[in-house]
Amino acid sequence: MLAELKRLTGHVWKVWTLSEKSVCVMWDDSIFSSKSSRTTSYGTAFGHGAVCAPLTHRKSGLGVDVISTHTRPGSVATNAQKDSDIAKGAKLAGTWPTVYAGDFARNAPKLPGYTRAAAKVDSMDKAGTQTPDAVFVRGKVGVGKATLVNPGGLSDHKWIGVVLTLGGDLS
């Protein structure tokens, strides 16, 4: 995927993963830098957990914590355990503005202090409306246009893209 992103954009992309498993944050290294990551596991062999990449915008110097999560599904966790996973992932955020995104395994995750950055959309290829995938923001992060991408056979989840502005206002 990183090679394809480089081919399409002409830029080098970096990635932090959780134990080389199913959760990562990727960024364009020509736009952002990062010197470290913070991770937490939700205790499954599959690699459910969260990773936080503190990113610094190379031109402006503004920082943002970007957290990616893959919460345990209902097949291996109760709603209380999923809520605990979500809270554990949120604790990876530092004092910078934060973007917290991914598969929350809950249609309405409990995230005090965060704002949903895109409308609830049906993000699963299953019967009924399911909205476990979301993007949330906290702090000075402006929210712009959101798009839904169907990756076809790459995933049973649709992808949510949101234009965000560091130092922006939520209003």
N, C-alpha and C. Protein backbone atom coordinates (compact mmCIF):
# COMPACT_ATOMS: atom_id res chain seq x y z
N MET A 1 0.83 -1.18 0.00
CA MET A 1 0.00 0.00 0.00
C MET A 1 0.88 1.25 0.00
N LEU A 2 1.97 1.24 0.79
CA LEU A 2 2.85 2.40 0.85
C LEU A 2 3.50 2.66 -0.51
N ALA A 3 3.88 1.59 -1.20
CA ALA A 3 4.48 1.75 -2.53
C ALA A 3 3.46 2.34 -3.50
N GLU A 4 2.21 1.91 -3.41
CA GLU A 4 1.16 2.43 -4.30
C GLU A 4 0.89 3.91 -3.99
N LEU A 5 0.84 4.27 -2.72
CA LEU A 5 0.65 5.68 -2.36
C LEU A 5 1.80 6.54 -2.90
N LYS A 6 3.03 6.03 -2.81
CA LYS A 6 4.17 6.77 -3.34
C LYS A 6 4.05 6.91 -4.86
N ARG A 7 3.63 5.85 -5.52
CA ARG A 7 3.46 5.90 -6.97
C ARG A 7 2.40 6.93 -7.36
N LEU A 8 1.30 6.96 -6.63
CA LEU A 8 0.19 7.87 -6.96
C LEU A 8 0.48 9.33 -6.62
N THR A 9 1.21 9.56 -5.52
CA THR A 9 1.40 10.94 -5.05
C THR A 9 2.80 11.49 -5.32
N GLY A 10 3.75 10.59 -5.55
CA GLY A 10 5.13 11.02 -5.71
C GLY A 10 5.81 11.35 -4.39
N HIS A 11 5.14 11.06 -3.28
CA HIS A 11 5.67 11.36 -1.95
C HIS A 11 5.94 10.07 -1.18
N VAL A 12 6.84 10.16 -0.21
CA VAL A 12 7.12 9.04 0.68
C VAL A 12 6.07 9.05 1.79
N TRP A 13 5.50 7.90 2.07
CA TRP A 13 4.51 7.76 3.14
C TRP A 13 5.12 6.94 4.26
N LYS A 14 4.79 7.31 5.48
CA LYS A 14 5.27 6.62 6.68
C LYS A 14 4.08 5.96 7.37
N VAL A 15 4.39 5.01 8.23
CA VAL A 15 3.33 4.29 8.93
C VAL A 15 3.80 3.87 10.31
N TRP A 16 2.90 3.96 11.28
CA TRP A 16 3.08 3.35 12.60
C TRP A 16 1.99 2.30 12.73
N THR A 17 2.36 1.11 13.16
CA THR A 17 1.38 0.04 13.32
C THR A 17 1.35 -0.44 14.77
N LEU A 18 0.30 -1.18 15.08
CA LEU A 18 0.20 -1.83 16.38
C LEU A 18 0.65 -3.27 16.19
N SER A 19 1.84 -3.59 16.65
CA SER A 19 2.38 -4.96 16.60
C SER A 19 2.29 -5.59 15.21
N GLU A 20 2.51 -4.77 14.17
CA GLU A 20 2.48 -5.27 12.79
C GLU A 20 1.16 -5.96 12.45
N LYS A 21 0.07 -5.52 13.08
CA LYS A 21 -1.24 -6.16 12.87
C LYS A 21 -2.18 -5.24 12.12
N SER A 22 -3.42 -5.13 12.57
CA SER A 22 -4.50 -4.55 11.78
C SER A 22 -4.78 -3.07 12.03
N VAL A 23 -3.96 -2.38 12.81
CA VAL A 23 -4.23 -0.98 13.13
C VAL A 23 -2.99 -0.16 12.78
N CYS A 24 -3.20 0.98 12.09
CA CYS A 24 -2.06 1.82 11.76
C CYS A 24 -2.50 3.26 11.53
N VAL A 25 -1.54 4.15 11.58
CA VAL A 25 -1.69 5.53 11.12
C VAL A 25 -0.66 5.71 10.01
N MET A 26 -1.12 6.22 8.85
CA MET A 26 -0.22 6.50 7.73
C MET A 26 -0.26 7.99 7.46
N TRP A 27 0.89 8.56 7.06
CA TRP A 27 0.92 9.98 6.73
C TRP A 27 1.94 10.25 5.64
N ASP A 28 1.72 11.34 4.93
CA ASP A 28 2.61 11.82 3.89
C ASP A 28 3.79 12.50 4.57
N ASP A 29 4.98 11.92 4.43
CA ASP A 29 6.16 12.42 5.12
C ASP A 29 6.63 13.78 4.60
N SER A 30 6.16 14.20 3.44
CA SER A 30 6.54 15.52 2.95
C SER A 30 5.71 16.61 3.63
N ILE A 31 4.60 16.24 4.26
CA ILE A 31 3.71 17.19 4.92
C ILE A 31 3.84 17.14 6.43
N PHE A 32 3.95 15.93 6.99
CA PHE A 32 4.02 15.75 8.44
C PHE A 32 5.26 14.97 8.83
N SER A 33 5.74 15.22 10.05
CA SER A 33 6.81 14.41 10.62
C SER A 33 6.30 13.81 11.93
N SER A 34 6.90 12.71 12.33
CA SER A 34 6.58 12.09 13.61
C SER A 34 7.81 11.38 14.11
N LYS A 35 8.08 11.50 15.40
CA LYS A 35 9.27 10.89 15.97
C LYS A 35 8.96 9.68 16.83
N SER A 36 7.68 9.47 17.14
CA SER A 36 7.34 8.37 18.05
C SER A 36 5.87 8.02 17.87
N SER A 37 5.48 6.94 18.49
CA SER A 37 4.06 6.58 18.51
C SER A 37 3.73 6.04 19.88
N ARG A 38 2.43 6.02 20.16
CA ARG A 38 1.94 5.42 21.41
C ARG A 38 0.91 4.38 20.99
N THR A 39 0.92 3.24 21.64
CA THR A 39 -0.01 2.18 21.27
C THR A 39 -0.65 1.56 22.51
N THR A 40 -1.78 0.91 22.28
CA THR A 40 -2.41 0.12 23.32
C THR A 40 -3.09 -1.07 22.65
N SER A 41 -3.01 -2.22 23.26
CA SER A 41 -3.65 -3.43 22.74
C SER A 41 -4.95 -3.67 23.48
N TYR A 42 -5.94 -4.21 22.76
CA TYR A 42 -7.19 -4.60 23.39
C TYR A 42 -7.21 -6.10 23.68
N GLY A 43 -6.06 -6.75 23.53
CA GLY A 43 -5.87 -8.11 24.02
C GLY A 43 -6.34 -9.25 23.14
N THR A 44 -6.33 -9.08 21.82
CA THR A 44 -6.69 -10.20 20.94
C THR A 44 -5.51 -10.55 20.06
N ALA A 45 -5.46 -11.80 19.61
CA ALA A 45 -4.40 -12.24 18.71
C ALA A 45 -4.52 -11.54 17.35
N PHE A 46 -5.73 -11.13 16.98
CA PHE A 46 -5.96 -10.46 15.70
C PHE A 46 -5.28 -9.10 15.67
N GLY A 47 -5.10 -8.49 16.82
CA GLY A 47 -4.43 -7.20 16.87
C GLY A 47 -5.35 -6.02 17.09
N HIS A 48 -6.50 -6.25 17.73
CA HIS A 48 -7.38 -5.12 18.06
C HIS A 48 -6.65 -4.20 19.04
N GLY A 49 -6.77 -2.90 18.81
CA GLY A 49 -6.11 -1.93 19.66
C GLY A 49 -6.12 -0.57 19.01
N ALA A 50 -5.23 0.30 19.48
CA ALA A 50 -5.14 1.64 18.93
C ALA A 50 -3.68 2.07 18.84
N VAL A 51 -3.41 2.93 17.87
CA VAL A 51 -2.09 3.52 17.71
C VAL A 51 -2.28 5.03 17.54
N CYS A 52 -1.42 5.79 18.21
CA CYS A 52 -1.45 7.25 18.12
C CYS A 52 -0.12 7.73 17.54
N ALA A 53 -0.22 8.52 16.47
CA ALA A 53 0.96 9.14 15.89
C ALA A 53 0.88 10.64 16.15
N PRO A 54 1.76 11.18 16.98
CA PRO A 54 1.81 12.63 17.15
C PRO A 54 2.50 13.21 15.91
N LEU A 55 1.73 13.93 15.09
CA LEU A 55 2.26 14.45 13.83
C LEU A 55 2.48 15.95 13.93
N THR A 56 3.59 16.41 13.37
CA THR A 56 3.89 17.84 13.31
C THR A 56 3.88 18.27 11.84
N HIS A 57 3.07 19.29 11.55
CA HIS A 57 3.00 19.83 10.20
C HIS A 57 4.33 20.53 9.90
N ARG A 58 5.00 20.11 8.86
CA ARG A 58 6.35 20.59 8.58
C ARG A 58 6.42 22.10 8.33
N LYS A 59 5.43 22.67 7.67
CA LYS A 59 5.48 24.11 7.35
C LYS A 59 5.01 24.99 8.50
N SER A 60 3.92 24.63 9.14
CA SER A 60 3.34 25.51 10.18
C SER A 60 3.85 25.21 11.57
N GLY A 61 4.36 23.99 11.79
CA GLY A 61 4.79 23.59 13.12
C GLY A 61 3.66 23.15 14.03
N LEU A 62 2.41 23.18 13.51
CA LEU A 62 1.26 22.76 14.31
C LEU A 62 1.30 21.24 14.52
N GLY A 63 0.86 20.82 15.70
CA GLY A 63 0.84 19.40 16.02
C GLY A 63 -0.56 18.86 16.14
N VAL A 64 -0.71 17.58 15.84
CA VAL A 64 -2.00 16.89 15.98
C VAL A 64 -1.71 15.43 16.35
N ASP A 65 -2.46 14.91 17.30
CA ASP A 65 -2.40 13.49 17.62
C ASP A 65 -3.43 12.79 16.74
N VAL A 66 -2.98 11.82 15.96
CA VAL A 66 -3.89 11.06 15.12
C VAL A 66 -3.95 9.64 15.68
N ILE A 67 -5.14 9.23 16.09
CA ILE A 67 -5.33 7.92 16.69
C ILE A 67 -6.18 7.07 15.75
N SER A 68 -5.71 5.86 15.48
CA SER A 68 -6.48 4.89 14.72
C SER A 68 -6.85 3.76 15.66
N THR A 69 -8.11 3.29 15.56
CA THR A 69 -8.56 2.23 16.46
C THR A 69 -9.24 1.11 15.69
N HIS A 70 -9.13 -0.08 16.21
CA HIS A 70 -9.92 -1.23 15.76
C HIS A 70 -10.39 -1.92 17.04
N THR A 71 -11.60 -1.56 17.46
CA THR A 71 -12.19 -2.07 18.69
C THR A 71 -12.63 -3.52 18.49
N ARG A 72 -12.57 -4.30 19.56
CA ARG A 72 -13.01 -5.70 19.49
C ARG A 72 -14.49 -5.76 19.08
N PRO A 73 -14.84 -6.68 18.19
CA PRO A 73 -16.24 -6.80 17.75
C PRO A 73 -17.09 -7.54 18.78
N GLY A 74 -18.40 -7.52 18.54
CA GLY A 74 -19.34 -8.17 19.44
C GLY A 74 -19.12 -9.66 19.59
N SER A 75 -18.44 -10.29 18.62
CA SER A 75 -18.19 -11.73 18.70
C SER A 75 -17.20 -12.08 19.80
N VAL A 76 -16.40 -11.10 20.26
CA VAL A 76 -15.42 -11.38 21.31
C VAL A 76 -15.48 -10.40 22.47
N ALA A 77 -16.39 -9.41 22.43
CA ALA A 77 -16.44 -8.42 23.50
C ALA A 77 -17.87 -7.94 23.74
N THR A 78 -18.17 -7.68 25.00
CA THR A 78 -19.46 -7.10 25.36
C THR A 78 -19.43 -5.61 25.05
N ASN A 79 -20.59 -4.96 25.10
CA ASN A 79 -20.63 -3.52 24.89
C ASN A 79 -19.79 -2.79 25.95
N ALA A 80 -19.81 -3.25 27.18
CA ALA A 80 -19.00 -2.63 28.24
C ALA A 80 -17.51 -2.77 27.92
N GLN A 81 -17.09 -3.93 27.41
CA GLN A 81 -15.69 -4.12 27.04
C GLN A 81 -15.31 -3.23 25.86
N LYS A 82 -16.23 -3.09 24.89
CA LYS A 82 -15.97 -2.21 23.75
C LYS A 82 -15.83 -0.76 24.21
N ASP A 83 -16.71 -0.34 25.14
CA ASP A 83 -16.62 1.02 25.68
C ASP A 83 -15.27 1.22 26.39
N SER A 84 -14.81 0.18 27.08
CA SER A 84 -13.51 0.25 27.75
C SER A 84 -12.38 0.38 26.73
N ASP A 85 -12.46 -0.37 25.63
CA ASP A 85 -11.47 -0.27 24.55
C ASP A 85 -11.41 1.16 24.01
N ILE A 86 -12.57 1.73 23.72
CA ILE A 86 -12.65 3.08 23.15
C ILE A 86 -12.04 4.10 24.10
N ALA A 87 -12.34 3.98 25.38
CA ALA A 87 -11.77 4.89 26.37
C ALA A 87 -10.26 4.71 26.48
N LYS A 88 -9.80 3.47 26.39
CA LYS A 88 -8.37 3.19 26.47
C LYS A 88 -7.64 3.81 25.28
N GLY A 89 -8.23 3.72 24.09
CA GLY A 89 -7.64 4.35 22.92
C GLY A 89 -7.59 5.86 23.05
N ALA A 90 -8.65 6.45 23.59
CA ALA A 90 -8.71 7.91 23.75
C ALA A 90 -7.62 8.41 24.69
N LYS A 91 -7.20 7.57 25.64
CA LYS A 91 -6.16 7.97 26.59
C LYS A 91 -4.78 8.12 25.94
N LEU A 92 -4.64 7.66 24.69
CA LEU A 92 -3.37 7.83 23.99
C LEU A 92 -3.14 9.29 23.58
N ALA A 93 -4.22 10.07 23.51
CA ALA A 93 -4.10 11.47 23.11
C ALA A 93 -3.34 12.26 24.16
N GLY A 94 -2.52 13.17 23.68
CA GLY A 94 -1.82 14.08 24.58
C GLY A 94 -2.60 15.38 24.69
N THR A 95 -1.89 16.48 24.70
CA THR A 95 -2.53 17.79 24.84
C THR A 95 -2.81 18.46 23.51
N TRP A 96 -2.30 17.92 22.42
CA TRP A 96 -2.53 18.50 21.10
C TRP A 96 -3.97 18.26 20.64
N PRO A 97 -4.42 19.03 19.65
CA PRO A 97 -5.68 18.67 19.00
C PRO A 97 -5.60 17.21 18.55
N THR A 98 -6.75 16.55 18.50
CA THR A 98 -6.75 15.11 18.25
C THR A 98 -7.76 14.71 17.20
N VAL A 99 -7.36 13.77 16.36
CA VAL A 99 -8.26 13.09 15.43
C VAL A 99 -8.26 11.63 15.88
N TYR A 100 -9.45 11.08 16.14
CA TYR A 100 -9.59 9.70 16.62
C TYR A 100 -10.54 9.01 15.65
N ALA A 101 -10.03 8.03 14.90
CA ALA A 101 -10.82 7.44 13.82
C ALA A 101 -10.64 5.94 13.76
N GLY A 102 -11.61 5.28 13.15
CA GLY A 102 -11.49 3.86 12.91
C GLY A 102 -12.79 3.12 13.12
N ASP A 103 -12.65 1.83 13.40
CA ASP A 103 -13.77 0.93 13.64
C ASP A 103 -13.98 0.87 15.15
N PHE A 104 -15.02 1.57 15.61
CA PHE A 104 -15.31 1.64 17.04
C PHE A 104 -16.19 0.47 17.51
N ALA A 105 -16.70 -0.33 16.58
CA ALA A 105 -17.57 -1.47 16.90
C ALA A 105 -18.81 -1.04 17.70
N ARG A 106 -19.15 0.22 17.63
CA ARG A 106 -20.33 0.79 18.31
C ARG A 106 -20.91 1.86 17.39
N ASN A 107 -22.22 1.89 17.26
CA ASN A 107 -22.86 2.91 16.43
C ASN A 107 -22.79 4.29 17.06
N ALA A 108 -22.71 4.35 18.38
CA ALA A 108 -22.64 5.64 19.09
C ALA A 108 -21.59 5.54 20.20
N PRO A 109 -20.29 5.59 19.83
CA PRO A 109 -19.25 5.49 20.85
C PRO A 109 -19.33 6.62 21.87
N LYS A 110 -18.99 6.29 23.11
CA LYS A 110 -18.97 7.28 24.18
C LYS A 110 -17.60 7.95 24.18
N LEU A 111 -17.56 9.21 23.72
CA LEU A 111 -16.30 9.94 23.66
C LEU A 111 -16.51 11.37 24.16
N PRO A 112 -16.59 11.56 25.46
CA PRO A 112 -16.77 12.91 26.01
C PRO A 112 -15.66 13.85 25.52
N GLY A 113 -16.04 15.04 25.09
CA GLY A 113 -15.08 16.03 24.63
C GLY A 113 -14.75 15.95 23.16
N TYR A 114 -15.22 14.92 22.48
CA TYR A 114 -14.97 14.75 21.05
C TYR A 114 -16.24 15.08 20.26
N THR A 115 -16.05 15.51 19.01
CA THR A 115 -17.14 15.80 18.10
C THR A 115 -17.03 14.90 16.88
N ARG A 116 -18.13 14.30 16.48
CA ARG A 116 -18.12 13.47 15.27
C ARG A 116 -17.84 14.38 14.08
N ALA A 117 -16.87 14.04 13.25
CA ALA A 117 -16.43 14.90 12.16
C ALA A 117 -17.17 14.65 10.85
N ALA A 118 -17.98 13.63 10.80
CA ALA A 118 -18.76 13.35 9.60
C ALA A 118 -20.10 12.78 10.05
N ALA A 119 -21.10 12.98 9.25
CA ALA A 119 -22.40 12.43 9.58
C ALA A 119 -22.32 10.91 9.69
N LYS A 120 -23.23 10.33 10.47
CA LYS A 120 -23.27 8.88 10.55
C LYS A 120 -23.64 8.34 9.17
N VAL A 121 -22.85 7.40 8.69
CA VAL A 121 -23.11 6.78 7.40
C VAL A 121 -23.04 5.27 7.57
N ASP A 122 -23.79 4.56 6.75
CA ASP A 122 -23.76 3.10 6.78
C ASP A 122 -22.42 2.66 6.21
N SER A 123 -21.55 2.17 7.07
CA SER A 123 -20.19 1.86 6.65
C SER A 123 -19.90 0.37 6.53
N MET A 124 -20.92 -0.46 6.66
CA MET A 124 -20.71 -1.91 6.60
C MET A 124 -21.49 -2.53 5.44
N ASP A 125 -20.92 -3.57 4.88
CA ASP A 125 -21.59 -4.33 3.82
C ASP A 125 -22.40 -5.46 4.45
N LYS A 126 -23.35 -5.09 5.30
CA LYS A 126 -24.24 -6.05 5.95
C LYS A 126 -25.65 -5.51 5.87
N ALA A 127 -26.61 -6.38 6.12
CA ALA A 127 -28.01 -5.95 6.12
C ALA A 127 -28.25 -4.96 7.26
N GLY A 128 -29.07 -3.95 7.00
CA GLY A 128 -29.38 -2.95 8.03
C GLY A 128 -28.37 -1.82 8.03
N THR A 129 -28.67 -0.79 8.76
CA THR A 129 -27.77 0.37 8.85
C THR A 129 -26.83 0.18 10.02
N GLN A 130 -25.54 0.21 9.74
CA GLN A 130 -24.52 0.05 10.77
C GLN A 130 -23.50 1.18 10.61
N THR A 131 -23.20 1.86 11.70
CA THR A 131 -22.29 3.01 11.65
C THR A 131 -21.14 2.89 12.65
N PRO A 132 -20.43 1.76 12.66
CA PRO A 132 -19.36 1.60 13.63
C PRO A 132 -18.09 2.37 13.28
N ASP A 133 -17.96 2.76 12.02
CA ASP A 133 -16.77 3.48 11.58
C ASP A 133 -17.02 4.97 11.65
N ALA A 134 -16.06 5.70 12.19
CA ALA A 134 -16.28 7.14 12.38
C ALA A 134 -14.95 7.86 12.53
N VAL A 135 -15.05 9.18 12.41
CA VAL A 135 -13.93 10.09 12.66
C VAL A 135 -14.41 11.11 13.68
N PHE A 136 -13.66 11.27 14.76
CA PHE A 136 -13.97 12.24 15.80
C PHE A 136 -12.80 13.20 15.94
N VAL A 137 -13.08 14.42 16.36
CA VAL A 137 -12.03 15.41 16.59
C VAL A 137 -12.20 16.05 17.94
N ARG A 138 -11.09 16.56 18.47
CA ARG A 138 -11.08 17.28 19.74
C ARG A 138 -10.07 18.41 19.63
N GLY A 139 -10.41 19.57 20.14
CA GLY A 139 -9.49 20.70 20.09
C GLY A 139 -9.64 21.49 18.81
N LYS A 140 -8.61 22.24 18.47
CA LYS A 140 -8.65 23.14 17.32
C LYS A 140 -8.41 22.37 16.02
N VAL A 141 -9.47 21.69 15.57
CA VAL A 141 -9.44 20.98 14.30
C VAL A 141 -10.73 21.35 13.57
N GLY A 142 -10.59 22.06 12.46
CA GLY A 142 -11.75 22.42 11.66
C GLY A 142 -12.18 21.25 10.80
N VAL A 143 -13.48 21.12 10.60
CA VAL A 143 -14.03 19.99 9.86
C VAL A 143 -14.63 20.48 8.54
N GLY A 144 -14.21 19.87 7.45
CA GLY A 144 -14.73 20.20 6.13
C GLY A 144 -15.52 19.06 5.53
N LYS A 145 -15.47 18.94 4.24
CA LYS A 145 -16.24 17.95 3.49
C LYS A 145 -15.84 16.52 3.85
N ALA A 146 -16.86 15.68 3.97
CA ALA A 146 -16.62 14.25 4.22
C ALA A 146 -17.06 13.45 3.00
N THR A 147 -16.35 12.38 2.72
CA THR A 147 -16.70 11.50 1.61
C THR A 147 -16.70 10.06 2.09
N LEU A 148 -17.48 9.24 1.42
CA LEU A 148 -17.54 7.81 1.71
C LEU A 148 -16.99 7.07 0.49
N VAL A 149 -16.04 6.20 0.72
CA VAL A 149 -15.40 5.45 -0.36
C VAL A 149 -15.67 3.97 -0.17
N ASN A 150 -16.16 3.34 -1.21
CA ASN A 150 -16.36 1.89 -1.17
C ASN A 150 -15.13 1.24 -1.78
N PRO A 151 -14.30 0.57 -0.97
CA PRO A 151 -13.07 -0.01 -1.49
C PRO A 151 -13.27 -1.36 -2.18
N GLY A 152 -14.52 -1.74 -2.41
CA GLY A 152 -14.79 -3.01 -3.07
C GLY A 152 -14.33 -4.18 -2.23
N GLY A 153 -13.66 -5.12 -2.84
CA GLY A 153 -13.24 -6.34 -2.16
C GLY A 153 -12.11 -6.17 -1.17
N LEU A 154 -11.55 -4.97 -1.05
CA LEU A 154 -10.46 -4.78 -0.09
C LEU A 154 -10.92 -4.84 1.35
N SER A 155 -12.21 -4.54 1.59
CA SER A 155 -12.70 -4.49 2.97
C SER A 155 -14.21 -4.66 2.99
N ASP A 156 -14.74 -5.16 4.12
CA ASP A 156 -16.19 -5.21 4.30
C ASP A 156 -16.69 -3.91 4.93
N HIS A 157 -15.79 -2.95 5.12
CA HIS A 157 -16.12 -1.62 5.63
C HIS A 157 -15.89 -0.60 4.52
N LYS A 158 -16.74 0.40 4.46
CA LYS A 158 -16.47 1.54 3.58
C LYS A 158 -15.51 2.47 4.33
N TRP A 159 -14.81 3.31 3.60
CA TRP A 159 -13.84 4.22 4.19
C TRP A 159 -14.44 5.61 4.26
N ILE A 160 -14.20 6.32 5.36
CA ILE A 160 -14.69 7.67 5.55
C ILE A 160 -13.49 8.62 5.45
N GLY A 161 -13.59 9.56 4.52
CA GLY A 161 -12.55 10.57 4.37
C GLY A 161 -13.11 11.92 4.79
N VAL A 162 -12.37 12.67 5.58
CA VAL A 162 -12.82 13.98 6.04
C VAL A 162 -11.69 14.98 5.85
N VAL A 163 -12.01 16.14 5.28
CA VAL A 163 -11.04 17.22 5.16
C VAL A 163 -11.00 17.93 6.51
N LEU A 164 -9.80 17.98 7.11
CA LEU A 164 -9.63 18.60 8.42
C LEU A 164 -8.60 19.72 8.32
N THR A 165 -8.77 20.76 9.12
CA THR A 165 -7.86 21.89 9.13
C THR A 165 -7.28 22.07 10.53
N LEU A 166 -5.97 21.93 10.64
CA LEU A 166 -5.32 22.14 11.94
C LEU A 166 -5.43 23.61 12.33
N GLY A 167 -5.69 23.83 13.60
CA GLY A 167 -5.84 25.20 14.10
C GLY A 167 -7.18 25.79 13.76
N GLY A 168 -8.05 24.98 13.14
CA GLY A 168 -9.36 25.46 12.72
C GLY A 168 -10.37 25.46 13.83
N ASP A 169 -11.54 25.94 13.48
CA ASP A 169 -12.65 26.07 14.42
C ASP A 169 -13.74 25.09 14.01
N LEU A 170 -14.39 24.48 15.00
CA LEU A 170 -15.46 23.53 14.70
C LEU A 170 -16.75 24.20 14.22
N SER A 171 -16.87 25.52 14.41
CA SER A 171 -18.14 26.17 14.04
C SER A 171 -18.23 26.43 12.54
